[in-house]
Amino acid sequence: MLIVTTPAVEGRKTLRVLGMVSTEVILGANIFKDLFAGVRDIVGGRSAAYEGELRKARKLALQEMADQAKQMGANAVVGADLDYESLTANRATC
């Protein structure tokens, strides 16, 4: 399944618009990932644990969009957009 962020696929004509596909993916990190991510925040650097969770969430979201589009009879998803939000015990931020 072709998934693009553009409103059209260059060199191809859109024959039919079948509707919108969407998905939500929520992944939780465990206490050890939270602890080590907090240490990374203090000393600097990247958190491999959280980056891995983000990659997993993106992969799941794209797969779910592709599955929905396929069920609708589509051969592509155009105008795809991924948004990330961080949810903590005390607040939600974008």
C-alpha atoms as a PDB file:
ATOM      1  CA  MET A   1       0.000   0.000   0.000  1.00  0.00           C
ATOM      2  CA  LEU A   2       1.392   3.361  -1.035  1.00  0.00           C
ATOM      3  CA  ILE A   3       1.101   5.945   1.763  1.00  0.00           C
ATOM      4  CA  VAL A   4       2.148   9.518   1.022  1.00  0.00           C
ATOM      5  CA  THR A   5       1.891  12.837   2.835  1.00  0.00           C
ATOM      6  CA  THR A   6       1.178  14.775  -0.351  1.00  0.00           C
ATOM      7  CA  PRO A   7      -2.373  15.496  -1.559  1.00  0.00           C
ATOM      8  CA  ALA A   8      -1.765  13.488  -4.745  1.00  0.00           C
ATOM      9  CA  VAL A   9       0.680  10.972  -6.185  1.00  0.00           C
ATOM     10  CA  GLU A  10       2.821  12.517  -8.895  1.00  0.00           C
ATOM     11  CA  GLY A  11       2.295  10.873 -12.255  1.00  0.00           C
ATOM     12  CA  ARG A  12      -0.936   9.182 -11.183  1.00  0.00           C
ATOM     13  CA  LYS A  13      -4.515  10.317 -11.467  1.00  0.00           C
ATOM     14  CA  THR A  14      -6.948   9.959  -8.584  1.00  0.00           C
ATOM     15  CA  LEU A  15      -9.906   8.048  -9.974  1.00  0.00           C
ATOM     16  CA  ARG A  16     -12.055   7.873  -6.829  1.00  0.00           C
ATOM     17  CA  VAL A  17     -11.960   9.152  -3.294  1.00  0.00           C
ATOM     18  CA  LEU A  18     -13.157   6.332  -1.076  1.00  0.00           C
ATOM     19  CA  GLY A  19     -13.160   8.137   2.244  1.00  0.00           C
ATOM     20  CA  MET A  20     -10.934   8.816   5.201  1.00  0.00           C
ATOM     21  CA  VAL A  21      -8.854   6.357   7.150  1.00  0.00           C
ATOM     22  CA  SER A  22      -7.545   7.075  10.627  1.00  0.00           C
ATOM     23  CA  THR A  23      -6.013   5.311  13.546  1.00  0.00           C
ATOM     24  CA  GLU A  24      -4.915   5.866  17.100  1.00  0.00           C
ATOM     25  CA  VAL A  25      -1.972   4.088  18.674  1.00  0.00           C
ATOM     26  CA  ILE A  26      -1.121   4.444  22.336  1.00  0.00           C
ATOM     27  CA  LEU A  27       1.973   2.769  23.699  1.00  0.00           C
ATOM     28  CA  GLY A  28       3.077   2.916  27.294  1.00  0.00           C
ATOM     29  CA  ALA A  29       6.626   2.836  28.486  1.00  0.00           C
ATOM     30  CA  ASN A  30       7.460   0.933  31.639  1.00  0.00           C
ATOM     31  CA  ILE A  31       9.054   2.279  34.798  1.00  0.00           C
ATOM     32  CA  PHE A  32      12.591   1.371  33.683  1.00  0.00           C
ATOM     33  CA  LYS A  33      12.231   3.236  30.389  1.00  0.00           C
ATOM     34  CA  ASP A  34      10.819   6.219  32.301  1.00  0.00           C
ATOM     35  CA  LEU A  35      13.695   6.124  34.799  1.00  0.00           C
ATOM     36  CA  PHE A  36      16.420   5.939  32.149  1.00  0.00           C
ATOM     37  CA  ALA A  37      14.713   8.573  30.001  1.00  0.00           C
ATOM     38  CA  GLY A  38      14.720  10.854  33.051  1.00  0.00           C
ATOM     39  CA  VAL A  39      18.446  10.289  33.488  1.00  0.00           C
ATOM     40  CA  ARG A  40      18.963  11.126  29.796  1.00  0.00           C
ATOM     41  CA  ASP A  41      17.037  14.366  30.307  1.00  0.00           C
ATOM     42  CA  ILE A  42      19.430  15.340  33.103  1.00  0.00           C
ATOM     43  CA  VAL A  43      22.728  14.371  31.442  1.00  0.00           C
ATOM     44  CA  GLY A  44      21.660  14.946  27.851  1.00  0.00           C
ATOM     45  CA  GLY A  45      21.458  12.579  24.939  1.00  0.00           C
ATOM     46  CA  ARG A  46      18.808  10.560  23.201  1.00  0.00           C
ATOM     47  CA  SER A  47      16.556   7.979  24.776  1.00  0.00           C
ATOM     48  CA  ALA A  48      16.805   4.824  22.681  1.00  0.00           C
ATOM     49  CA  ALA A  49      13.941   3.250  24.628  1.00  0.00           C
ATOM     50  CA  TYR A  50      11.506   6.041  23.760  1.00  0.00           C
ATOM     51  CA  GLU A  51      12.764   6.303  20.193  1.00  0.00           C
ATOM     52  CA  GLY A  52      12.038   2.595  19.823  1.00  0.00           C
ATOM     53  CA  GLU A  53       8.511   3.092  21.158  1.00  0.00           C
ATOM     54  CA  LEU A  54       7.927   5.946  18.699  1.00  0.00           C
ATOM     55  CA  ARG A  55       9.139   3.807  15.789  1.00  0.00           C
ATOM     56  CA  LYS A  56       6.822   0.997  16.907  1.00  0.00           C
ATOM     57  CA  ALA A  57       3.848   3.372  17.183  1.00  0.00           C
ATOM     58  CA  ARG A  58       4.506   4.848  13.735  1.00  0.00           C
ATOM     59  CA  LYS A  59       4.780   1.392  12.172  1.00  0.00           C
ATOM     60  CA  LEU A  60       1.522   0.260  13.805  1.00  0.00           C
ATOM     61  CA  ALA A  61      -0.338   3.422  12.771  1.00  0.00           C
ATOM     62  CA  LEU A  62       0.779   3.153   9.144  1.00  0.00           C
ATOM     63  CA  GLN A  63      -0.118  -0.531   9.027  1.00  0.00           C
ATOM     64  CA  GLU A  64      -3.584   0.121  10.440  1.00  0.00           C
ATOM     65  CA  MET A  65      -4.178   2.909   7.901  1.00  0.00           C
ATOM     66  CA  ALA A  66      -3.062   0.612   5.091  1.00  0.00           C
ATOM     67  CA  ASP A  67      -5.337  -2.177   6.333  1.00  0.00           C
ATOM     68  CA  GLN A  68      -8.356   0.154   6.506  1.00  0.00           C
ATOM     69  CA  ALA A  69      -7.656   1.549   3.047  1.00  0.00           C
ATOM     70  CA  LYS A  70      -7.298  -1.947   1.599  1.00  0.00           C
ATOM     71  CA  GLN A  71     -10.657  -2.981   3.099  1.00  0.00           C
ATOM     72  CA  MET A  72     -12.205   0.016   1.350  1.00  0.00           C
ATOM     73  CA  GLY A  73     -10.716  -1.083  -1.981  1.00  0.00           C
ATOM     74  CA  ALA A  74      -8.023   1.614  -2.127  1.00  0.00           C
ATOM     75  CA  ASN A  75      -4.548   1.215  -3.556  1.00  0.00           C
ATOM     76  CA  ALA A  76      -3.056   4.285  -1.854  1.00  0.00           C
ATOM     77  CA  VAL A  77      -3.463   6.647   1.086  1.00  0.00           C
ATOM     78  CA  VAL A  78      -2.787  10.281   0.219  1.00  0.00           C
ATOM     79  CA  GLY A  79      -2.446  13.208   2.584  1.00  0.00           C
ATOM     80  CA  ALA A  80      -1.271  11.054   5.479  1.00  0.00           C
ATOM     81  CA  ASP A  81      -0.357  12.958   8.627  1.00  0.00           C
ATOM     82  CA  LEU A  82       1.171  11.624  11.824  1.00  0.00           C
ATOM     83  CA  ASP A  83       0.886  13.500  15.098  1.00  0.00           C
ATOM     84  CA  TYR A  84       2.672  12.623  18.309  1.00  0.00           C
ATOM     85  CA  GLU A  85       1.555  13.459  21.813  1.00  0.00           C
ATOM     86  CA  SER A  86       3.156  12.770  25.151  1.00  0.00           C
ATOM     87  CA  LEU A  87       0.866  11.775  27.984  1.00  0.00           C
ATOM     88  CA  THR A  88       2.184  11.909  31.528  1.00  0.00           C
ATOM     89  CA  ALA A  89       0.570  11.283  34.865  1.00  0.00           C
ATOM     90  CA  ASN A  90       0.000  14.998  35.448  1.00  0.00           C
ATOM     91  CA  ARG A  91      -0.496  16.501  31.984  1.00  0.00           C
ATOM     92  CA  ALA A  92      -0.790  15.973  28.261  1.00  0.00           C
ATOM     93  CA  THR A  93       1.418  17.922  25.850  1.00  0.00           C
ATOM     94  CA  CYS A  94       1.638  18.127  22.085  1.00  0.00           C
END
